PDB file of all heavy atoms in Angstrom:
ATOM      1  N   PHE A   1      20.165 -21.045 -50.031  1.00  0.00           N
ATOM      2  CA  PHE A   1      19.899 -21.497 -51.339  1.00  0.00           C
ATOM      3  C   PHE A   1      18.349 -21.898 -51.586  1.00  0.00           C
ATOM      4  O   PHE A   1      17.749 -21.501 -52.580  1.00  0.00           O
ATOM      5  CB  PHE A   1      20.809 -22.741 -51.747  1.00  0.00           C
ATOM      6  CG  PHE A   1      20.499 -23.299 -53.098  1.00  0.00           C
ATOM      7  CD1 PHE A   1      21.283 -22.825 -54.100  1.00  0.00           C
ATOM      8  CD2 PHE A   1      19.575 -24.369 -53.318  1.00  0.00           C
ATOM      9  CE1 PHE A   1      21.089 -23.284 -55.396  1.00  0.00           C
ATOM     10  CE2 PHE A   1      19.406 -24.787 -54.653  1.00  0.00           C
ATOM     11  CZ  PHE A   1      20.095 -24.287 -55.568  1.00  0.00           C
ATOM     12  N   GLY A   2      17.912 -22.635 -50.592  1.00  0.00           N
ATOM     13  CA  GLY A   2      16.469 -22.933 -50.584  1.00  0.00           C
ATOM     14  C   GLY A   2      15.595 -21.761 -50.539  1.00  0.00           C
ATOM     15  O   GLY A   2      14.657 -21.564 -51.273  1.00  0.00           O
ATOM     16  N   LEU A   3      15.920 -20.770 -49.642  1.00  0.00           N
ATOM     17  CA  LEU A   3      15.096 -19.538 -49.552  1.00  0.00           C
ATOM     18  C   LEU A   3      15.102 -18.783 -50.878  1.00  0.00           C
ATOM     19  O   LEU A   3      14.104 -18.209 -51.261  1.00  0.00           O
ATOM     20  CB  LEU A   3      15.645 -18.676 -48.408  1.00  0.00           C
ATOM     21  CG  LEU A   3      15.446 -19.243 -47.008  1.00  0.00           C
ATOM     22  CD1 LEU A   3      16.084 -18.180 -46.072  1.00  0.00           C
ATOM     23  CD2 LEU A   3      14.004 -19.541 -46.748  1.00  0.00           C
ATOM     24  N   GLY A   4      16.247 -18.706 -51.607  1.00  0.00           N
ATOM     25  CA  GLY A   4      16.291 -17.992 -52.825  1.00  0.00           C
ATOM     26  C   GLY A   4      15.466 -18.592 -53.818  1.00  0.00           C
ATOM     27  O   GLY A   4      14.779 -17.818 -54.574  1.00  0.00           O
ATOM     28  N   ILE A   5      15.361 -19.936 -53.919  1.00  0.00           N
ATOM     29  CA  ILE A   5      14.464 -20.510 -54.932  1.00  0.00           C
ATOM     30  C   ILE A   5      12.999 -20.124 -54.585  1.00  0.00           C
ATOM     31  O   ILE A   5      12.168 -19.863 -55.471  1.00  0.00           O
ATOM     32  CB  ILE A   5      14.609 -22.101 -54.905  1.00  0.00           C
ATOM     33  CG1 ILE A   5      16.052 -22.451 -55.385  1.00  0.00           C
ATOM     34  CG2 ILE A   5      13.605 -22.730 -55.839  1.00  0.00           C
ATOM     35  CD1 ILE A   5      16.381 -22.051 -56.844  1.00  0.00           C
ATOM     36  N   SER A   6      12.634 -20.192 -53.335  1.00  0.00           N
ATOM     37  CA  SER A   6      11.338 -19.918 -52.961  1.00  0.00           C
ATOM     38  C   SER A   6      10.969 -18.482 -53.145  1.00  0.00           C
ATOM     39  O   SER A   6       9.747 -18.154 -53.355  1.00  0.00           O
ATOM     40  CB  SER A   6      11.064 -20.267 -51.464  1.00  0.00           C
ATOM     41  OG  SER A   6      11.729 -19.388 -50.557  1.00  0.00           O
ATOM     42  N   TYR A   7      11.877 -17.577 -53.004  1.00  0.00           N
ATOM     43  CA  TYR A   7      11.574 -16.194 -53.256  1.00  0.00           C
ATOM     44  C   TYR A   7      11.135 -15.816 -54.574  1.00  0.00           C
ATOM     45  O   TYR A   7      10.476 -14.728 -54.875  1.00  0.00           O
ATOM     46  CB  TYR A   7      12.880 -15.341 -52.905  1.00  0.00           C
ATOM     47  CG  TYR A   7      13.275 -15.183 -51.420  1.00  0.00           C
ATOM     48  CD1 TYR A   7      14.455 -14.657 -51.005  1.00  0.00           C
ATOM     49  CD2 TYR A   7      12.294 -15.705 -50.385  1.00  0.00           C
ATOM     50  CE1 TYR A   7      14.762 -14.546 -49.692  1.00  0.00           C
ATOM     51  CE2 TYR A   7      12.576 -15.517 -49.063  1.00  0.00           C
ATOM     52  CZ  TYR A   7      13.873 -14.983 -48.697  1.00  0.00           C
ATOM     53  OH  TYR A   7      14.170 -14.856 -47.380  1.00  0.00           O
ATOM     54  N   SER A   8      11.415 -16.676 -55.550  1.00  0.00           N
ATOM     55  CA  SER A   8      10.936 -16.449 -56.979  1.00  0.00           C
ATOM     56  C   SER A   8       9.448 -16.352 -57.066  1.00  0.00           C
ATOM     57  O   SER A   8       8.908 -15.728 -57.983  1.00  0.00           O
ATOM     58  CB  SER A   8      11.520 -17.562 -57.837  1.00  0.00           C
ATOM     59  OG  SER A   8      11.017 -18.879 -57.571  1.00  0.00           O
ATOM     60  N   MET A   9       8.768 -17.045 -56.145  1.00  0.00           N
ATOM     61  CA  MET A   9       7.373 -17.097 -56.232  1.00  0.00           C
ATOM     62  C   MET A   9       6.710 -15.693 -55.977  1.00  0.00           C
ATOM     63  O   MET A   9       5.691 -15.322 -56.622  1.00  0.00           O
ATOM     64  CB  MET A   9       6.749 -18.039 -55.175  1.00  0.00           C
ATOM     65  CG  MET A   9       7.008 -19.509 -55.545  1.00  0.00           C
ATOM     66  SD  MET A   9       6.364 -20.585 -54.299  1.00  0.00           S
ATOM     67  CE  MET A   9       4.643 -20.449 -54.621  1.00  0.00           C
ATOM     68  N   THR A  10       7.275 -14.908 -55.010  1.00  0.00           N
ATOM     69  CA  THR A  10       6.664 -13.691 -54.602  1.00  0.00           C
ATOM     70  C   THR A  10       6.533 -12.626 -55.774  1.00  0.00           C
ATOM     71  O   THR A  10       5.474 -11.972 -56.037  1.00  0.00           O
ATOM     72  CB  THR A  10       7.454 -13.105 -53.465  1.00  0.00           C
ATOM     73  OG1 THR A  10       7.394 -13.936 -52.325  1.00  0.00           O
ATOM     74  CG2 THR A  10       6.749 -11.789 -53.010  1.00  0.00           C
ATOM     75  N   PRO A  11       7.620 -12.320 -56.513  1.00  0.00           N
ATOM     76  CA  PRO A  11       7.484 -11.321 -57.545  1.00  0.00           C
ATOM     77  C   PRO A  11       6.484 -11.754 -58.638  1.00  0.00           C
ATOM     78  O   PRO A  11       5.774 -11.001 -59.275  1.00  0.00           O
ATOM     79  CB  PRO A  11       8.831 -11.067 -58.062  1.00  0.00           C
ATOM     80  CG  PRO A  11       9.592 -12.223 -57.683  1.00  0.00           C
ATOM     81  CD  PRO A  11       9.011 -12.623 -56.364  1.00  0.00           C
ATOM     82  N   LEU A  12       6.535 -13.149 -58.953  1.00  0.00           N
ATOM     83  CA  LEU A  12       5.637 -13.698 -60.003  1.00  0.00           C
ATOM     84  C   LEU A  12       4.207 -13.485 -59.586  1.00  0.00           C
ATOM     85  O   LEU A  12       3.299 -13.206 -60.368  1.00  0.00           O
ATOM     86  CB  LEU A  12       5.936 -15.104 -60.277  1.00  0.00           C
ATOM     87  CG  LEU A  12       7.285 -15.360 -60.968  1.00  0.00           C
ATOM     88  CD1 LEU A  12       7.578 -16.828 -61.056  1.00  0.00           C
ATOM     89  CD2 LEU A  12       7.334 -14.737 -62.350  1.00  0.00           C
ATOM     90  N   VAL A  13       3.853 -13.887 -58.343  1.00  0.00           N
ATOM     91  CA  VAL A  13       2.508 -13.775 -57.809  1.00  0.00           C
ATOM     92  C   VAL A  13       2.123 -12.295 -57.798  1.00  0.00           C
ATOM     93  O   VAL A  13       0.937 -11.983 -58.140  1.00  0.00           O
ATOM     94  CB  VAL A  13       2.364 -14.400 -56.440  1.00  0.00           C
ATOM     95  CG1 VAL A  13       0.991 -14.121 -55.762  1.00  0.00           C
ATOM     96  CG2 VAL A  13       2.625 -16.019 -56.439  1.00  0.00           C
ATOM     97  N   ALA A  14       2.938 -11.436 -57.212  1.00  0.00           N
ATOM     98  CA  ALA A  14       2.613 -10.021 -57.152  1.00  0.00           C
ATOM     99  C   ALA A  14       2.397  -9.375 -58.525  1.00  0.00           C
ATOM    100  O   ALA A  14       1.354  -8.648 -58.616  1.00  0.00           O
ATOM    101  CB  ALA A  14       3.775  -9.346 -56.428  1.00  0.00           C
ATOM    102  N   ARG A  15       3.192  -9.771 -59.483  1.00  0.00           N
ATOM    103  CA  ARG A  15       2.910  -9.239 -60.816  1.00  0.00           C
ATOM    104  C   ARG A  15       1.573  -9.730 -61.398  1.00  0.00           C
ATOM    105  O   ARG A  15       0.814  -8.902 -62.006  1.00  0.00           O
ATOM    106  CB  ARG A  15       4.109  -9.553 -61.752  1.00  0.00           C
ATOM    107  CG  ARG A  15       4.056  -8.988 -63.075  1.00  0.00           C
ATOM    108  CD  ARG A  15       5.291  -9.318 -63.909  1.00  0.00           C
ATOM    109  NE  ARG A  15       5.317  -8.699 -65.210  1.00  0.00           N
ATOM    110  CZ  ARG A  15       6.133  -9.014 -66.214  1.00  0.00           C
ATOM    111  NH1 ARG A  15       7.035  -9.972 -66.024  1.00  0.00           N
ATOM    112  NH2 ARG A  15       6.080  -8.412 -67.425  1.00  0.00           N
ATOM    113  N   ALA A  16       1.357 -10.968 -61.181  1.00  0.00           N
ATOM    114  CA  ALA A  16       0.065 -11.489 -61.702  1.00  0.00           C
ATOM    115  C   ALA A  16      -1.057 -10.953 -60.914  1.00  0.00           C
ATOM    116  O   ALA A  16      -2.205 -10.737 -61.450  1.00  0.00           O
ATOM    117  CB  ALA A  16       0.022 -13.039 -61.610  1.00  0.00           C
ATOM    118  N   ASP A  17      -0.995 -10.661 -59.621  1.00  0.00           N
ATOM    119  CA  ASP A  17      -2.036 -10.049 -58.862  1.00  0.00           C
ATOM    120  C   ASP A  17      -2.312  -8.589 -59.328  1.00  0.00           C
ATOM    121  O   ASP A  17      -3.356  -8.166 -59.434  1.00  0.00           O
ATOM    122  CB  ASP A  17      -1.547 -10.019 -57.405  1.00  0.00           C
ATOM    123  CG  ASP A  17      -2.734  -9.579 -56.489  1.00  0.00           C
ATOM    124  OD1 ASP A  17      -3.865  -9.906 -56.769  1.00  0.00           O
ATOM    125  OD2 ASP A  17      -2.403  -8.852 -55.506  1.00  0.00           O
ATOM    126  N   GLY A  18      -1.214  -7.890 -59.806  1.00  0.00           N
ATOM    127  CA  GLY A  18      -1.338  -6.559 -60.353  1.00  0.00           C
ATOM    128  C   GLY A  18      -2.171  -6.600 -61.574  1.00  0.00           C
ATOM    129  O   GLY A  18      -2.836  -5.674 -61.920  1.00  0.00           O
ATOM    130  N   ARG A  19      -2.077  -7.652 -62.350  1.00  0.00           N
ATOM    131  CA  ARG A  19      -2.858  -7.871 -63.592  1.00  0.00           C
ATOM    132  C   ARG A  19      -4.142  -8.563 -63.381  1.00  0.00           C
ATOM    133  O   ARG A  19      -4.885  -8.855 -64.356  1.00  0.00           O
ATOM    134  CB  ARG A  19      -1.962  -8.614 -64.551  1.00  0.00           C
ATOM    135  CG  ARG A  19      -0.746  -7.934 -65.009  1.00  0.00           C
ATOM    136  CD  ARG A  19       0.117  -8.731 -65.940  1.00  0.00           C
ATOM    137  NE  ARG A  19       1.290  -8.048 -66.466  1.00  0.00           N
ATOM    138  CZ  ARG A  19       2.182  -8.523 -67.270  1.00  0.00           C
ATOM    139  NH1 ARG A  19       2.113  -9.801 -67.648  1.00  0.00           N
ATOM    140  NH2 ARG A  19       3.182  -7.895 -67.710  1.00  0.00           N
ATOM    141  N   LYS A  20      -4.524  -8.993 -62.151  1.00  0.00           N
ATOM    142  CA  LYS A  20      -5.733  -9.703 -61.861  1.00  0.00           C
ATOM    143  C   LYS A  20      -5.761 -11.079 -62.529  1.00  0.00           C
ATOM    144  O   LYS A  20      -6.904 -11.481 -62.917  1.00  0.00           O
ATOM    145  CB  LYS A  20      -6.972  -8.798 -62.092  1.00  0.00           C
ATOM    146  CG  LYS A  20      -6.920  -7.474 -61.496  1.00  0.00           C
ATOM    147  CD  LYS A  20      -6.892  -7.487 -60.022  1.00  0.00           C
ATOM    148  CE  LYS A  20      -6.903  -6.130 -59.399  1.00  0.00           C
ATOM    149  NZ  LYS A  20      -6.781  -6.168 -57.892  1.00  0.00           N
ATOM    150  N   ASN A  21      -4.650 -11.741 -62.723  1.00  0.00           N
ATOM    151  CA  ASN A  21      -4.628 -12.946 -63.533  1.00  0.00           C
ATOM    152  C   ASN A  21      -4.580 -14.135 -62.528  1.00  0.00           C
ATOM    153  O   ASN A  21      -3.551 -14.593 -62.054  1.00  0.00           O
ATOM    154  CB  ASN A  21      -3.354 -12.875 -64.352  1.00  0.00           C
ATOM    155  CG  ASN A  21      -3.278 -14.108 -65.299  1.00  0.00           C
ATOM    156  OD1 ASN A  21      -4.018 -15.116 -65.090  1.00  0.00           O
ATOM    157  ND2 ASN A  21      -2.531 -14.082 -66.353  1.00  0.00           N
ATOM    158  N   HIS A  22      -5.832 -14.591 -62.117  1.00  0.00           N
ATOM    159  CA  HIS A  22      -6.000 -15.514 -61.106  1.00  0.00           C
ATOM    160  C   HIS A  22      -5.510 -16.905 -61.557  1.00  0.00           C
ATOM    161  O   HIS A  22      -5.135 -17.739 -60.761  1.00  0.00           O
ATOM    162  CB  HIS A  22      -7.435 -15.551 -60.614  1.00  0.00           C
ATOM    163  CG  HIS A  22      -7.980 -14.305 -60.066  1.00  0.00           C
ATOM    164  ND1 HIS A  22      -7.282 -13.588 -58.990  1.00  0.00           N
ATOM    165  CD2 HIS A  22      -9.044 -13.540 -60.347  1.00  0.00           C
ATOM    166  CE1 HIS A  22      -7.963 -12.558 -58.723  1.00  0.00           C
ATOM    167  NE2 HIS A  22      -9.018 -12.455 -59.575  1.00  0.00           N
ATOM    168  N   THR A  23      -5.640 -17.265 -62.805  1.00  0.00           N
ATOM    169  CA  THR A  23      -5.226 -18.470 -63.354  1.00  0.00           C
ATOM    170  C   THR A  23      -3.676 -18.621 -63.136  1.00  0.00           C
ATOM    171  O   THR A  23      -3.113 -19.638 -62.777  1.00  0.00           O
ATOM    172  CB  THR A  23      -5.596 -18.674 -64.768  1.00  0.00           C
ATOM    173  OG1 THR A  23      -6.959 -18.639 -64.945  1.00  0.00           O
ATOM    174  CG2 THR A  23      -5.089 -20.053 -65.290  1.00  0.00           C
ATOM    175  N   ARG A  24      -3.037 -17.597 -63.551  1.00  0.00           N
ATOM    176  CA  ARG A  24      -1.569 -17.520 -63.448  1.00  0.00           C
ATOM    177  C   ARG A  24      -1.053 -17.715 -61.929  1.00  0.00           C
ATOM    178  O   ARG A  24      -0.145 -18.526 -61.604  1.00  0.00           O
ATOM    179  CB  ARG A  24      -1.042 -16.238 -64.000  1.00  0.00           C
ATOM    180  CG  ARG A  24       0.423 -15.939 -63.777  1.00  0.00           C
ATOM    181  CD  ARG A  24       1.430 -16.767 -64.628  1.00  0.00           C
ATOM    182  NE  ARG A  24       2.767 -16.215 -64.580  1.00  0.00           N
ATOM    183  CZ  ARG A  24       3.837 -16.912 -64.917  1.00  0.00           C
ATOM    184  NH1 ARG A  24       3.665 -18.133 -65.365  1.00  0.00           N
ATOM    185  NH2 ARG A  24       4.947 -16.323 -64.954  1.00  0.00           N
ATOM    186  N   ILE A  25      -1.788 -17.056 -61.046  1.00  0.00           N
ATOM    187  CA  ILE A  25      -1.443 -17.184 -59.591  1.00  0.00           C
ATOM    188  C   ILE A  25      -1.595 -18.585 -59.130  1.00  0.00           C
ATOM    189  O   ILE A  25      -0.760 -19.126 -58.404  1.00  0.00           O
ATOM    190  CB  ILE A  25      -2.383 -16.199 -58.785  1.00  0.00           C
ATOM    191  CG1 ILE A  25      -2.074 -14.716 -59.100  1.00  0.00           C
ATOM    192  CG2 ILE A  25      -2.158 -16.490 -57.243  1.00  0.00           C
ATOM    193  CD1 ILE A  25      -3.071 -13.745 -58.573  1.00  0.00           C
ATOM    194  N   ALA A  26      -2.753 -19.238 -59.557  1.00  0.00           N
ATOM    195  CA  ALA A  26      -3.045 -20.665 -59.172  1.00  0.00           C
ATOM    196  C   ALA A  26      -1.844 -21.652 -59.681  1.00  0.00           C
ATOM    197  O   ALA A  26      -1.437 -22.500 -58.912  1.00  0.00           O
ATOM    198  CB  ALA A  26      -4.339 -21.025 -59.623  1.00  0.00           C
ATOM    199  N   LEU A  27      -1.432 -21.323 -60.799  1.00  0.00           N
ATOM    200  CA  LEU A  27      -0.397 -22.223 -61.480  1.00  0.00           C
ATOM    201  C   LEU A  27       0.885 -22.040 -60.717  1.00  0.00           C
ATOM    202  O   LEU A  27       1.772 -22.976 -60.595  1.00  0.00           O
ATOM    203  CB  LEU A  27      -0.319 -21.995 -62.921  1.00  0.00           C
ATOM    204  CG  LEU A  27      -1.521 -22.424 -63.750  1.00  0.00           C
ATOM    205  CD1 LEU A  27      -1.300 -21.977 -65.232  1.00  0.00           C
ATOM    206  CD2 LEU A  27      -1.719 -23.944 -63.683  1.00  0.00           C
ATOM    207  N   ILE A  28       1.247 -20.781 -60.293  1.00  0.00           N
ATOM    208  CA  ILE A  28       2.423 -20.542 -59.544  1.00  0.00           C
ATOM    209  C   ILE A  28       2.319 -21.204 -58.230  1.00  0.00           C
ATOM    210  O   ILE A  28       3.422 -21.819 -57.764  1.00  0.00           O
ATOM    211  CB  ILE A  28       2.558 -18.918 -59.333  1.00  0.00           C
ATOM    212  CG1 ILE A  28       2.798 -18.372 -60.719  1.00  0.00           C
ATOM    213  CG2 ILE A  28       3.756 -18.718 -58.372  1.00  0.00           C
ATOM    214  CD1 ILE A  28       2.811 -16.830 -60.651  1.00  0.00           C
ATOM    215  N   LEU A  29       1.182 -21.273 -57.581  1.00  0.00           N
ATOM    216  CA  LEU A  29       1.076 -21.972 -56.264  1.00  0.00           C
ATOM    217  C   LEU A  29       1.322 -23.435 -56.383  1.00  0.00           C
ATOM    218  O   LEU A  29       2.196 -24.060 -55.652  1.00  0.00           O
ATOM    219  CB  LEU A  29      -0.438 -21.802 -55.693  1.00  0.00           C
ATOM    220  CG  LEU A  29      -0.757 -22.671 -54.528  1.00  0.00           C
ATOM    221  CD1 LEU A  29       0.181 -22.398 -53.325  1.00  0.00           C
ATOM    222  CD2 LEU A  29      -2.201 -22.442 -54.130  1.00  0.00           C
ATOM    223  N   LEU A  30       0.668 -24.156 -57.428  1.00  0.00           N
ATOM    224  CA  LEU A  30       0.874 -25.514 -57.551  1.00  0.00           C
ATOM    225  C   LEU A  30       2.285 -25.894 -57.865  1.00  0.00           C
ATOM    226  O   LEU A  30       2.913 -26.686 -57.206  1.00  0.00           O
ATOM    227  CB  LEU A  30       0.028 -26.024 -58.733  1.00  0.00           C
ATOM    228  CG  LEU A  30       0.184 -27.561 -59.184  1.00  0.00           C
ATOM    229  CD1 LEU A  30      -0.069 -28.488 -57.987  1.00  0.00           C
ATOM    230  CD2 LEU A  30      -0.698 -27.763 -60.290  1.00  0.00           C
ATOM    231  N   ASN A  31       2.822 -25.235 -58.909  1.00  0.00           N
ATOM    232  CA  ASN A  31       4.198 -25.590 -59.432  1.00  0.00           C
ATOM    233  C   ASN A  31       5.256 -25.073 -58.381  1.00  0.00           C
ATOM    234  O   ASN A  31       6.318 -25.697 -58.308  1.00  0.00           O
ATOM    235  CB  ASN A  31       4.390 -25.055 -60.816  1.00  0.00           C
ATOM    236  CG  ASN A  31       3.585 -25.724 -61.846  1.00  0.00           C
ATOM    237  OD1 ASN A  31       3.872 -26.924 -62.216  1.00  0.00           O
ATOM    238  ND2 ASN A  31       2.419 -25.196 -62.188  1.00  0.00           N
ATOM    239  N   GLY A  32       4.978 -24.016 -57.730  1.00  0.00           N
ATOM    240  CA  GLY A  32       5.973 -23.547 -56.752  1.00  0.00           C
ATOM    241  C   GLY A  32       5.975 -24.522 -55.522  1.00  0.00           C
ATOM    242  O   GLY A  32       7.094 -24.794 -55.076  1.00  0.00           O
ATOM    243  N   LEU A  33       4.820 -25.121 -55.122  1.00  0.00           N
ATOM    244  CA  LEU A  33       4.834 -26.069 -54.015  1.00  0.00           C
ATOM    245  C   LEU A  33       5.673 -27.333 -54.340  1.00  0.00           C
ATOM    246  O   LEU A  33       6.412 -27.751 -53.573  1.00  0.00           O
ATOM    247  CB  LEU A  33       3.402 -26.308 -53.656  1.00  0.00           C
ATOM    248  CG  LEU A  33       3.191 -27.367 -52.596  1.00  0.00           C
ATOM    249  CD1 LEU A  33       3.807 -26.979 -51.258  1.00  0.00           C
ATOM    250  CD2 LEU A  33       1.722 -27.696 -52.417  1.00  0.00           C
ATOM    251  N   VAL A  34       5.383 -27.843 -55.605  1.00  0.00           N
ATOM    252  CA  VAL A  34       6.075 -28.947 -56.038  1.00  0.00           C
ATOM    253  C   VAL A  34       7.625 -28.774 -56.151  1.00  0.00           C
ATOM    254  O   VAL A  34       8.434 -29.543 -55.689  1.00  0.00           O
ATOM    255  CB  VAL A  34       5.543 -29.480 -57.317  1.00  0.00           C
ATOM    256  CG1 VAL A  34       6.449 -30.674 -57.895  1.00  0.00           C
ATOM    257  CG2 VAL A  34       4.056 -29.956 -57.184  1.00  0.00           C
ATOM    258  N   LEU A  35       7.941 -27.640 -56.763  1.00  0.00           N
ATOM    259  CA  LEU A  35       9.380 -27.322 -56.948  1.00  0.00           C
ATOM    260  C   LEU A  35      10.056 -27.135 -55.588  1.00  0.00           C
ATOM    261  O   LEU A  35      11.154 -27.728 -55.371  1.00  0.00           O
ATOM    262  CB  LEU A  35       9.510 -26.087 -57.792  1.00  0.00           C
ATOM    263  CG  LEU A  35      10.886 -25.524 -57.939  1.00  0.00           C
ATOM    264  CD1 LEU A  35      11.772 -26.484 -58.818  1.00  0.00           C
ATOM    265  CD2 LEU A  35      10.947 -24.161 -58.703  1.00  0.00           C
ATOM    266  N   ASN A  36       9.424 -26.357 -54.712  1.00  0.00           N
ATOM    267  CA  ASN A  36      10.092 -26.241 -53.332  1.00  0.00           C
ATOM    268  C   ASN A  36      10.262 -27.474 -52.623  1.00  0.00           C
ATOM    269  O   ASN A  36      11.352 -27.698 -51.991  1.00  0.00           O
ATOM    270  CB  ASN A  36       9.188 -25.261 -52.553  1.00  0.00           C
ATOM    271  CG  ASN A  36       9.575 -23.825 -52.886  1.00  0.00           C
ATOM    272  OD1 ASN A  36      10.399 -23.107 -52.264  1.00  0.00           O
ATOM    273  ND2 ASN A  36       8.890 -23.217 -53.980  1.00  0.00           N
ATOM    274  N   THR A  37       9.328 -28.369 -52.680  1.00  0.00           N
ATOM    275  CA  THR A  37       9.390 -29.650 -51.977  1.00  0.00           C
ATOM    276  C   THR A  37      10.526 -30.407 -52.570  1.00  0.00           C
ATOM    277  O   THR A  37      11.333 -31.092 -51.767  1.00  0.00           O
ATOM    278  CB  THR A  37       8.095 -30.428 -52.060  1.00  0.00           C
ATOM    279  OG1 THR A  37       6.977 -29.698 -51.535  1.00  0.00           O
ATOM    280  CG2 THR A  37       8.197 -31.746 -51.293  1.00  0.00           C
ATOM    281  N   LEU A  38      10.673 -30.603 -53.860  1.00  0.00           N
ATOM    282  CA  LEU A  38      11.754 -31.262 -54.538  1.00  0.00           C
ATOM    283  C   LEU A  38      13.062 -30.704 -54.185  1.00  0.00           C
ATOM    284  O   LEU A  38      14.000 -31.413 -53.901  1.00  0.00           O
ATOM    285  CB  LEU A  38      11.600 -31.316 -56.045  1.00  0.00           C
ATOM    286  CG  LEU A  38      10.287 -32.107 -56.559  1.00  0.00           C
ATOM    287  CD1 LEU A  38      10.160 -31.806 -58.061  1.00  0.00           C
ATOM    288  CD2 LEU A  38      10.549 -33.552 -56.230  1.00  0.00           C
ATOM    289  N   ILE A  39      13.125 -29.362 -54.087  1.00  0.00           N
ATOM    290  CA  ILE A  39      14.426 -28.741 -53.767  1.00  0.00           C
ATOM    291  C   ILE A  39      14.778 -29.099 -52.243  1.00  0.00           C
ATOM    292  O   ILE A  39      16.000 -29.276 -51.973  1.00  0.00           O
ATOM    293  CB  ILE A  39      14.346 -27.196 -54.026  1.00  0.00           C
ATOM    294  CG1 ILE A  39      14.205 -26.816 -55.516  1.00  0.00           C
ATOM    295  CG2 ILE A  39      15.571 -26.516 -53.243  1.00  0.00           C
ATOM    296  CD1 ILE A  39      15.509 -27.149 -56.195  1.00  0.00           C
ATOM    297  N   GLY A  40      13.818 -29.079 -51.412  1.00  0.00           N
ATOM    298  CA  GLY A  40      14.081 -29.383 -49.988  1.00  0.00           C
ATOM    299  C   GLY A  40      14.632 -30.821 -49.903  1.00  0.00           C
ATOM    300  O   GLY A  40      15.601 -31.053 -49.067  1.00  0.00           O
ATOM    301  N   VAL A  41      14.033 -31.848 -50.582  1.00  0.00           N
ATOM    302  CA  VAL A  41      14.524 -33.176 -50.472  1.00  0.00           C
ATOM    303  C   VAL A  41      15.933 -33.309 -51.074  1.00  0.00           C
ATOM    304  O   VAL A  41      16.785 -33.947 -50.537  1.00  0.00           O
ATOM    305  CB  VAL A  41      13.514 -34.147 -51.205  1.00  0.00           C
ATOM    306  CG1 VAL A  41      14.072 -35.540 -51.315  1.00  0.00           C
ATOM    307  CG2 VAL A  41      12.155 -34.124 -50.587  1.00  0.00           C
TER     308      VAL A  41
END
């Protein structure tokens, strides 16, 4: 269950990387880190 939530970050980052959208990638990192930590707890 936890791994599945975390896997959502990869296609989002990959798609943004394909578009060279660095702002979007940075926001995924921050919010993904917070979301994953909350899910773990």
